[in-house]
Amino acid sequence: STTIEFTNCTSGSSVANVTLRKDVDFQVDPQYSTA
């Protein structure tokens, strides 16, 4: 499993959408669920 943590975010919005992706040569990189 992979865990991603963000601490202290600032933005023009109050949400950061984070999507895990796999880097696959010569193909479209698959994307997994967005948090």
PDB file of all heavy atoms in Angstrom:
ATOM      1  N   SER A   1       0.822  -1.207   0.000  1.00  0.00           N
ATOM      2  CA  SER A   1       0.000   0.000   0.000  1.00  0.00           C
ATOM      3  C   SER A   1       0.858   1.259   0.000  1.00  0.00           C
ATOM      4  O   SER A   1       2.030   1.233   0.348  1.00  0.00           O
ATOM      5  CB  SER A   1      -0.936   0.002   1.209  1.00  0.00           C
ATOM      6  OG  SER A   1      -0.182   0.094   2.393  1.00  0.00           O
ATOM      7  N   THR A   2       0.261   2.357  -0.416  1.00  0.00           N
ATOM      8  CA  THR A   2       0.912   3.665  -0.452  1.00  0.00           C
ATOM      9  C   THR A   2       0.069   4.639   0.361  1.00  0.00           C
ATOM     10  O   THR A   2      -1.151   4.671   0.206  1.00  0.00           O
ATOM     11  CB  THR A   2       1.016   4.178  -1.901  1.00  0.00           C
ATOM     12  OG1 THR A   2       1.789   3.261  -2.663  1.00  0.00           O
ATOM     13  CG2 THR A   2       1.652   5.557  -1.961  1.00  0.00           C
ATOM     14  N   THR A   3       0.725   5.411   1.230  1.00  0.00           N
ATOM     15  CA  THR A   3       0.044   6.443   2.013  1.00  0.00           C
ATOM     16  C   THR A   3       0.688   7.786   1.697  1.00  0.00           C
ATOM     17  O   THR A   3       1.914   7.899   1.697  1.00  0.00           O
ATOM     18  CB  THR A   3       0.143   6.161   3.524  1.00  0.00           C
ATOM     19  OG1 THR A   3      -0.461   4.898   3.803  1.00  0.00           O
ATOM     20  CG2 THR A   3      -0.555   7.256   4.332  1.00  0.00           C
ATOM     21  N   ILE A   4      -0.137   8.791   1.430  1.00  0.00           N
ATOM     22  CA  ILE A   4       0.337  10.142   1.162  1.00  0.00           C
ATOM     23  C   ILE A   4      -0.283  11.063   2.201  1.00  0.00           C
ATOM     24  O   ILE A   4      -1.493  10.995   2.451  1.00  0.00           O
ATOM     25  CB  ILE A   4      -0.040  10.593  -0.266  1.00  0.00           C
ATOM     26  CG1 ILE A   4       0.598   9.647  -1.303  1.00  0.00           C
ATOM     27  CG2 ILE A   4       0.390  12.042  -0.507  1.00  0.00           C
ATOM     28  CD1 ILE A   4       0.135   9.886  -2.729  1.00  0.00           C
ATOM     29  N   GLU A   5       0.569  11.906   2.825  1.00  0.00           N
ATOM     30  CA  GLU A   5       0.121  12.859   3.837  1.00  0.00           C
ATOM     31  C   GLU A   5       0.546  14.273   3.454  1.00  0.00           C
ATOM     32  O   GLU A   5       1.684  14.478   3.050  1.00  0.00           O
ATOM     33  CB  GLU A   5       0.739  12.552   5.202  1.00  0.00           C
ATOM     34  CG  GLU A   5       0.307  11.274   5.831  1.00  0.00           C
ATOM     35  CD  GLU A   5       0.937  11.048   7.199  1.00  0.00           C
ATOM     36  OE1 GLU A   5       1.814  11.835   7.624  1.00  0.00           O
ATOM     37  OE2 GLU A   5       0.553  10.067   7.844  1.00  0.00           O
ATOM     38  N   PHE A   6      -0.364  15.215   3.592  1.00  0.00           N
ATOM     39  CA  PHE A   6      -0.068  16.638   3.410  1.00  0.00           C
ATOM     40  C   PHE A   6      -0.280  17.335   4.755  1.00  0.00           C
ATOM     41  O   PHE A   6      -1.329  17.150   5.387  1.00  0.00           O
ATOM     42  CB  PHE A   6      -1.012  17.283   2.395  1.00  0.00           C
ATOM     43  CG  PHE A   6      -0.729  16.974   0.948  1.00  0.00           C
ATOM     44  CD1 PHE A   6       0.219  16.048   0.550  1.00  0.00           C
ATOM     45  CD2 PHE A   6      -1.440  17.626  -0.037  1.00  0.00           C
ATOM     46  CE1 PHE A   6       0.460  15.780  -0.791  1.00  0.00           C
ATOM     47  CE2 PHE A   6      -1.215  17.380  -1.389  1.00  0.00           C
ATOM     48  CZ  PHE A   6      -0.261  16.450  -1.759  1.00  0.00           C
ATOM     49  N   THR A   7       0.690  18.140   5.177  1.00  0.00           N
ATOM     50  CA  THR A   7       0.559  18.924   6.404  1.00  0.00           C
ATOM     51  C   THR A   7       0.683  20.399   6.063  1.00  0.00           C
ATOM     52  O   THR A   7       1.649  20.803   5.415  1.00  0.00           O
ATOM     53  CB  THR A   7       1.649  18.528   7.428  1.00  0.00           C
ATOM     54  OG1 THR A   7       1.528  17.130   7.708  1.00  0.00           O
ATOM     55  CG2 THR A   7       1.514  19.317   8.712  1.00  0.00           C
ATOM     56  N   ASN A   8      -0.287  21.181   6.510  1.00  0.00           N
ATOM     57  CA  ASN A   8      -0.347  22.628   6.332  1.00  0.00           C
ATOM     58  C   ASN A   8      -0.438  23.008   4.852  1.00  0.00           C
ATOM     59  O   ASN A   8       0.548  23.324   4.212  1.00  0.00           O
ATOM     60  CB  ASN A   8       0.839  23.313   7.003  1.00  0.00           C
ATOM     61  CG  ASN A   8       0.741  24.825   6.979  1.00  0.00           C
ATOM     62  OD1 ASN A   8       1.711  25.485   6.680  1.00  0.00           O
ATOM     63  ND2 ASN A   8      -0.407  25.399   7.265  1.00  0.00           N
ATOM     64  N   CYS A   9      -1.657  22.998   4.344  1.00  0.00           N
ATOM     65  CA  CYS A   9      -1.927  23.337   2.943  1.00  0.00           C
ATOM     66  C   CYS A   9      -2.460  24.760   2.824  1.00  0.00           C
ATOM     67  O   CYS A   9      -3.223  25.218   3.677  1.00  0.00           O
ATOM     68  CB  CYS A   9      -2.982  22.397   2.368  1.00  0.00           C
ATOM     69  SG  CYS A   9      -2.536  20.648   2.400  1.00  0.00           S
ATOM     70  N   THR A  10      -2.069  25.447   1.767  1.00  0.00           N
ATOM     71  CA  THR A  10      -2.667  26.731   1.408  1.00  0.00           C
ATOM     72  C   THR A  10      -2.929  26.732  -0.091  1.00  0.00           C
ATOM     73  O   THR A  10      -2.151  26.182  -0.864  1.00  0.00           O
ATOM     74  CB  THR A  10      -1.757  27.929   1.779  1.00  0.00           C
ATOM     75  OG1 THR A  10      -0.487  27.755   1.175  1.00  0.00           O
ATOM     76  CG2 THR A  10      -1.597  28.052   3.279  1.00  0.00           C
ATOM     77  N   SER A  11      -4.052  27.351  -0.458  1.00  0.00           N
ATOM     78  CA  SER A  11      -4.470  27.323  -1.854  1.00  0.00           C
ATOM     79  C   SER A  11      -5.574  28.344  -2.050  1.00  0.00           C
ATOM     80  O   SER A  11      -6.102  28.897  -1.085  1.00  0.00           O
ATOM     81  CB  SER A  11      -4.968  25.912  -2.188  1.00  0.00           C
ATOM     82  OG  SER A  11      -5.519  25.854  -3.468  1.00  0.00           O
ATOM     83  N   GLY A  12      -5.979  28.564  -3.285  1.00  0.00           N
ATOM     84  CA  GLY A  12      -7.130  29.394  -3.577  1.00  0.00           C
ATOM     85  C   GLY A  12      -8.426  28.660  -3.287  1.00  0.00           C
ATOM     86  O   GLY A  12      -9.501  29.207  -3.406  1.00  0.00           O
ATOM     87  N   SER A  13      -8.317  27.403  -2.917  1.00  0.00           N
ATOM     88  CA  SER A  13      -9.457  26.552  -2.617  1.00  0.00           C
ATOM     89  C   SER A  13      -9.218  25.942  -1.235  1.00  0.00           C
ATOM     90  O   SER A  13      -8.143  26.103  -0.664  1.00  0.00           O
ATOM     91  CB  SER A  13      -9.539  25.452  -3.679  1.00  0.00           C
ATOM     92  OG  SER A  13     -10.507  24.499  -3.342  1.00  0.00           O
ATOM     93  N   SER A  14     -10.179  25.242  -0.699  1.00  0.00           N
ATOM     94  CA  SER A  14      -9.983  24.578   0.595  1.00  0.00           C
ATOM     95  C   SER A  14      -9.940  23.064   0.441  1.00  0.00           C
ATOM     96  O   SER A  14     -10.219  22.318   1.370  1.00  0.00           O
ATOM     97  CB  SER A  14     -11.091  24.975   1.568  1.00  0.00           C
ATOM     98  OG  SER A  14     -12.346  24.606   1.037  1.00  0.00           O
ATOM     99  N   VAL A  15      -9.567  22.612  -0.759  1.00  0.00           N
ATOM    100  CA  VAL A  15      -9.432  21.183  -1.010  1.00  0.00           C
ATOM    101  C   VAL A  15      -8.252  20.940  -1.954  1.00  0.00           C
ATOM    102  O   VAL A  15      -8.014  21.720  -2.878  1.00  0.00           O
ATOM    103  CB  VAL A  15     -10.738  20.569  -1.602  1.00  0.00           C
ATOM    104  CG1 VAL A  15     -11.058  21.156  -2.953  1.00  0.00           C
ATOM    105  CG2 VAL A  15     -10.659  19.054  -1.652  1.00  0.00           C
ATOM    106  N   ALA A  16      -7.518  19.883  -1.668  1.00  0.00           N
ATOM    107  CA  ALA A  16      -6.443  19.438  -2.560  1.00  0.00           C
ATOM    108  C   ALA A  16      -6.807  18.032  -3.028  1.00  0.00           C
ATOM    109  O   ALA A  16      -6.969  17.126  -2.207  1.00  0.00           O
ATOM    110  CB  ALA A  16      -5.105  19.416  -1.824  1.00  0.00           C
ATOM    111  N   ASN A  17      -6.971  17.857  -4.319  1.00  0.00           N
ATOM    112  CA  ASN A  17      -7.279  16.537  -4.869  1.00  0.00           C
ATOM    113  C   ASN A  17      -5.982  15.846  -5.260  1.00  0.00           C
ATOM    114  O   ASN A  17      -5.210  16.368  -6.067  1.00  0.00           O
ATOM    115  CB  ASN A  17      -8.216  16.674  -6.070  1.00  0.00           C
ATOM    116  CG  ASN A  17      -9.573  17.168  -5.645  1.00  0.00           C
ATOM    117  OD1 ASN A  17     -10.172  16.645  -4.720  1.00  0.00           O
ATOM    118  ND2 ASN A  17     -10.052  18.216  -6.291  1.00  0.00           N
ATOM    119  N   VAL A  18      -5.754  14.669  -4.674  1.00  0.00           N
ATOM    120  CA  VAL A  18      -4.507  13.927  -4.843  1.00  0.00           C
ATOM    121  C   VAL A  18      -4.820  12.593  -5.504  1.00  0.00           C
ATOM    122  O   VAL A  18      -5.629  11.814  -4.990  1.00  0.00           O
ATOM    123  CB  VAL A  18      -3.820  13.697  -3.475  1.00  0.00           C
ATOM    124  CG1 VAL A  18      -2.519  12.939  -3.644  1.00  0.00           C
ATOM    125  CG2 VAL A  18      -3.590  15.026  -2.760  1.00  0.00           C
ATOM    126  N   THR A  19      -4.175  12.331  -6.637  1.00  0.00           N
ATOM    127  CA  THR A  19      -4.415  11.107  -7.397  1.00  0.00           C
ATOM    128  C   THR A  19      -3.121  10.322  -7.522  1.00  0.00           C
ATOM    129  O   THR A  19      -2.111  10.854  -7.995  1.00  0.00           O
ATOM    130  CB  THR A  19      -4.933  11.427  -8.816  1.00  0.00           C
ATOM    131  OG1 THR A  19      -6.080  12.265  -8.703  1.00  0.00           O
ATOM    132  CG2 THR A  19      -5.298  10.160  -9.568  1.00  0.00           C
ATOM    133  N   LEU A  20      -3.127   9.059  -7.092  1.00  0.00           N
ATOM    134  CA  LEU A  20      -1.971   8.183  -7.267  1.00  0.00           C
ATOM    135  C   LEU A  20      -1.965   7.666  -8.699  1.00  0.00           C
ATOM    136  O   LEU A  20      -3.012   7.279  -9.240  1.00  0.00           O
ATOM    137  CB  LEU A  20      -2.033   7.002  -6.289  1.00  0.00           C
ATOM    138  CG  LEU A  20      -0.849   6.039  -6.366  1.00  0.00           C
ATOM    139  CD1 LEU A  20       0.430   6.723  -5.868  1.00  0.00           C
ATOM    140  CD2 LEU A  20      -1.129   4.791  -5.535  1.00  0.00           C
ATOM    141  N   ARG A  21      -0.772   7.678  -9.327  1.00  0.00           N
ATOM    142  CA  ARG A  21      -0.633   7.196 -10.700  1.00  0.00           C
ATOM    143  C   ARG A  21       0.581   6.291 -10.801  1.00  0.00           C
ATOM    144  O   ARG A  21       1.530   6.423 -10.043  1.00  0.00           O
ATOM    145  CB  ARG A  21      -0.499   8.369 -11.671  1.00  0.00           C
ATOM    146  CG  ARG A  21      -1.719   9.303 -11.566  1.00  0.00           C
ATOM    147  CD  ARG A  21      -1.892  10.187 -12.707  1.00  0.00           C
ATOM    148  NE  ARG A  21      -2.309   9.412 -13.881  1.00  0.00           N
ATOM    149  CZ  ARG A  21      -2.558   9.971 -15.048  1.00  0.00           C
ATOM    150  NH1 ARG A  21      -2.433  11.269 -15.211  1.00  0.00           N
ATOM    151  NH2 ARG A  21      -2.925   9.253 -16.068  1.00  0.00           N
ATOM    152  N   LYS A  22       0.544   5.386 -11.759  1.00  0.00           N
ATOM    153  CA  LYS A  22       1.665   4.480 -12.027  1.00  0.00           C
ATOM    154  C   LYS A  22       2.295   4.896 -13.346  1.00  0.00           C
ATOM    155  O   LYS A  22       1.607   5.065 -14.349  1.00  0.00           O
ATOM    156  CB  LYS A  22       1.170   3.038 -12.093  1.00  0.00           C
ATOM    157  CG  LYS A  22       2.270   2.006 -12.138  1.00  0.00           C
ATOM    158  CD  LYS A  22       1.687   0.602 -12.005  1.00  0.00           C
ATOM    159  CE  LYS A  22       2.765  -0.430 -11.861  1.00  0.00           C
ATOM    160  NZ  LYS A  22       2.186  -1.773 -11.652  1.00  0.00           N
ATOM    161  N   ASP A  23       3.604   5.073 -13.347  1.00  0.00           N
ATOM    162  CA  ASP A  23       4.345   5.494 -14.531  1.00  0.00           C
ATOM    163  C   ASP A  23       4.614   4.270 -15.403  1.00  0.00           C
ATOM    164  O   ASP A  23       5.415   3.407 -15.047  1.00  0.00           O
ATOM    165  CB  ASP A  23       5.661   6.144 -14.093  1.00  0.00           C
ATOM    166  CG  ASP A  23       6.364   6.870 -15.215  1.00  0.00           C
ATOM    167  OD1 ASP A  23       5.874   6.833 -16.355  1.00  0.00           O
ATOM    168  OD2 ASP A  23       7.412   7.481 -14.944  1.00  0.00           O
ATOM    169  N   VAL A  24       3.932   4.176 -16.539  1.00  0.00           N
ATOM    170  CA  VAL A  24       4.051   3.020 -17.433  1.00  0.00           C
ATOM    171  C   VAL A  24       4.599   3.507 -18.768  1.00  0.00           C
ATOM    172  O   VAL A  24       4.002   4.385 -19.404  1.00  0.00           O
ATOM    173  CB  VAL A  24       2.692   2.320 -17.629  1.00  0.00           C
ATOM    174  CG1 VAL A  24       2.836   1.118 -18.549  1.00  0.00           C
ATOM    175  CG2 VAL A  24       2.102   1.903 -16.289  1.00  0.00           C
ATOM    176  N   ASP A  25       5.730   2.958 -19.186  1.00  0.00           N
ATOM    177  CA  ASP A  25       6.354   3.362 -20.443  1.00  0.00           C
ATOM    178  C   ASP A  25       5.450   3.066 -21.645  1.00  0.00           C
ATOM    179  O   ASP A  25       4.848   1.999 -21.732  1.00  0.00           O
ATOM    180  CB  ASP A  25       7.687   2.633 -20.642  1.00  0.00           C
ATOM    181  CG  ASP A  25       8.753   3.096 -19.665  1.00  0.00           C
ATOM    182  OD1 ASP A  25       8.640   4.225 -19.146  1.00  0.00           O
ATOM    183  OD2 ASP A  25       9.697   2.317 -19.409  1.00  0.00           O
ATOM    184  N   PHE A  26       5.384   4.015 -22.555  1.00  0.00           N
ATOM    185  CA  PHE A  26       4.703   3.885 -23.839  1.00  0.00           C
ATOM    186  C   PHE A  26       3.208   3.576 -23.726  1.00  0.00           C
ATOM    187  O   PHE A  26       2.621   2.991 -24.628  1.00  0.00           O
ATOM    188  CB  PHE A  26       5.397   2.829 -24.712  1.00  0.00           C
ATOM    189  CG  PHE A  26       6.875   3.041 -24.828  1.00  0.00           C
ATOM    190  CD1 PHE A  26       7.766   2.135 -24.262  1.00  0.00           C
ATOM    191  CD2 PHE A  26       7.388   4.167 -25.451  1.00  0.00           C
ATOM    192  CE1 PHE A  26       9.141   2.334 -24.348  1.00  0.00           C
ATOM    193  CE2 PHE A  26       8.758   4.372 -25.533  1.00  0.00           C
ATOM    194  CZ  PHE A  26       9.633   3.457 -24.983  1.00  0.00           C
ATOM    195  N   GLN A  27       2.596   3.945 -22.590  1.00  0.00           N
ATOM    196  CA  GLN A  27       1.164   3.763 -22.386  1.00  0.00           C
ATOM    197  C   GLN A  27       0.642   4.960 -21.594  1.00  0.00           C
ATOM    198  O   GLN A  27       1.406   5.704 -21.003  1.00  0.00           O
ATOM    199  CB  GLN A  27       0.877   2.488 -21.588  1.00  0.00           C
ATOM    200  CG  GLN A  27       1.282   1.211 -22.282  1.00  0.00           C
ATOM    201  CD  GLN A  27       0.996   0.003 -21.403  1.00  0.00           C
ATOM    202  OE1 GLN A  27       0.048  -0.002 -20.644  1.00  0.00           O
ATOM    203  NE2 GLN A  27       1.822  -1.013 -21.513  1.00  0.00           N
ATOM    204  N   VAL A  28      -0.658   5.092 -21.566  1.00  0.00           N
ATOM    205  CA  VAL A  28      -1.274   6.092 -20.701  1.00  0.00           C
ATOM    206  C   VAL A  28      -1.123   5.588 -19.267  1.00  0.00           C
ATOM    207  O   VAL A  28      -1.433   4.430 -18.974  1.00  0.00           O
ATOM    208  CB  VAL A  28      -2.761   6.290 -21.056  1.00  0.00           C
ATOM    209  CG1 VAL A  28      -3.426   7.225 -20.069  1.00  0.00           C
ATOM    210  CG2 VAL A  28      -2.895   6.808 -22.472  1.00  0.00           C
ATOM    211  N   ASP A  29      -0.618   6.447 -18.393  1.00  0.00           N
ATOM    212  CA  ASP A  29      -0.411   6.043 -17.002  1.00  0.00           C
ATOM    213  C   ASP A  29      -1.753   5.805 -16.315  1.00  0.00           C
ATOM    214  O   ASP A  29      -2.622   6.679 -16.327  1.00  0.00           O
ATOM    215  CB  ASP A  29       0.353   7.130 -16.227  1.00  0.00           C
ATOM    216  CG  ASP A  29       1.777   7.290 -16.717  1.00  0.00           C
ATOM    217  OD1 ASP A  29       2.276   6.396 -17.424  1.00  0.00           O
ATOM    218  OD2 ASP A  29       2.398   8.305 -16.369  1.00  0.00           O
ATOM    219  N   PRO A  30      -1.930   4.608 -15.725  1.00  0.00           N
ATOM    220  CA  PRO A  30      -3.189   4.367 -15.001  1.00  0.00           C
ATOM    221  C   PRO A  30      -3.279   5.295 -13.793  1.00  0.00           C
ATOM    222  O   PRO A  30      -2.267   5.624 -13.174  1.00  0.00           O
ATOM    223  CB  PRO A  30      -3.099   2.908 -14.572  1.00  0.00           C
ATOM    224  CG  PRO A  30      -1.698   2.492 -14.769  1.00  0.00           C
ATOM    225  CD  PRO A  30      -1.043   3.458 -15.686  1.00  0.00           C
ATOM    226  N   GLN A  31      -4.493   5.737 -13.499  1.00  0.00           N
ATOM    227  CA  GLN A  31      -4.687   6.540 -12.300  1.00  0.00           C
ATOM    228  C   GLN A  31      -5.628   5.786 -11.381  1.00  0.00           C
ATOM    229  O   GLN A  31      -6.560   5.132 -11.830  1.00  0.00           O
ATOM    230  CB  GLN A  31      -5.204   7.931 -12.618  1.00  0.00           C
ATOM    231  CG  GLN A  31      -6.560   8.006 -13.258  1.00  0.00           C
ATOM    232  CD  GLN A  31      -6.926   9.451 -13.568  1.00  0.00           C
ATOM    233  OE1 GLN A  31      -6.073  10.270 -13.873  1.00  0.00           O
ATOM    234  NE2 GLN A  31      -8.196   9.755 -13.491  1.00  0.00           N
ATOM    235  N   TYR A  32      -5.324   5.872 -10.098  1.00  0.00           N
ATOM    236  CA  TYR A  32      -6.127   5.191  -9.090  1.00  0.00           C
ATOM    237  C   TYR A  32      -6.996   6.239  -8.411  1.00  0.00           C
ATOM    238  O   TYR A  32      -6.990   7.399  -8.799  1.00  0.00           O
ATOM    239  CB  TYR A  32      -5.203   4.421  -8.151  1.00  0.00           C
ATOM    240  CG  TYR A  32      -4.311   3.477  -8.939  1.00  0.00           C
ATOM    241  CD1 TYR A  32      -2.966   3.731  -9.096  1.00  0.00           C
ATOM    242  CD2 TYR A  32      -4.854   2.381  -9.608  1.00  0.00           C
ATOM    243  CE1 TYR A  32      -2.156   2.893  -9.863  1.00  0.00           C
ATOM    244  CE2 TYR A  32      -4.052   1.539 -10.374  1.00  0.00           C
ATOM    245  CZ  TYR A  32      -2.706   1.804 -10.502  1.00  0.00           C
ATOM    246  OH  TYR A  32      -1.920   0.983 -11.272  1.00  0.00           O
ATOM    247  N   SER A  33      -7.764   5.866  -7.451  1.00  0.00           N
ATOM    248  CA  SER A  33      -8.740   6.790  -6.863  1.00  0.00           C
ATOM    249  C   SER A  33      -8.118   8.117  -6.430  1.00  0.00           C
ATOM    250  O   SER A  33      -6.946   8.194  -6.084  1.00  0.00           O
ATOM    251  CB  SER A  33      -9.438   6.126  -5.685  1.00  0.00           C
ATOM    252  OG  SER A  33      -8.506   5.851  -4.667  1.00  0.00           O
ATOM    253  N   THR A  34      -8.932   9.160  -6.474  1.00  0.00           N
ATOM    254  CA  THR A  34      -8.509  10.503  -6.071  1.00  0.00           C
ATOM    255  C   THR A  34      -9.004  10.765  -4.657  1.00  0.00           C
ATOM    256  O   THR A  34     -10.171  10.538  -4.350  1.00  0.00           O
ATOM    257  CB  THR A  34      -9.082  11.558  -7.031  1.00  0.00           C
ATOM    258  OG1 THR A  34      -8.544  11.322  -8.337  1.00  0.00           O
ATOM    259  CG2 THR A  34      -8.727  12.969  -6.586  1.00  0.00           C
ATOM    260  N   ALA A  35      -8.096  11.235  -3.810  1.00  0.00           N
ATOM    261  CA  ALA A  35      -8.443  11.597  -2.434  1.00  0.00           C
ATOM    262  C   ALA A  35      -8.592  13.108  -2.351  1.00  0.00           C
ATOM    263  O   ALA A  35      -7.806  13.852  -2.934  1.00  0.00           O
ATOM    264  CB  ALA A  35      -7.348  11.125  -1.480  1.00  0.00           C
TER     265      ALA A  35
END
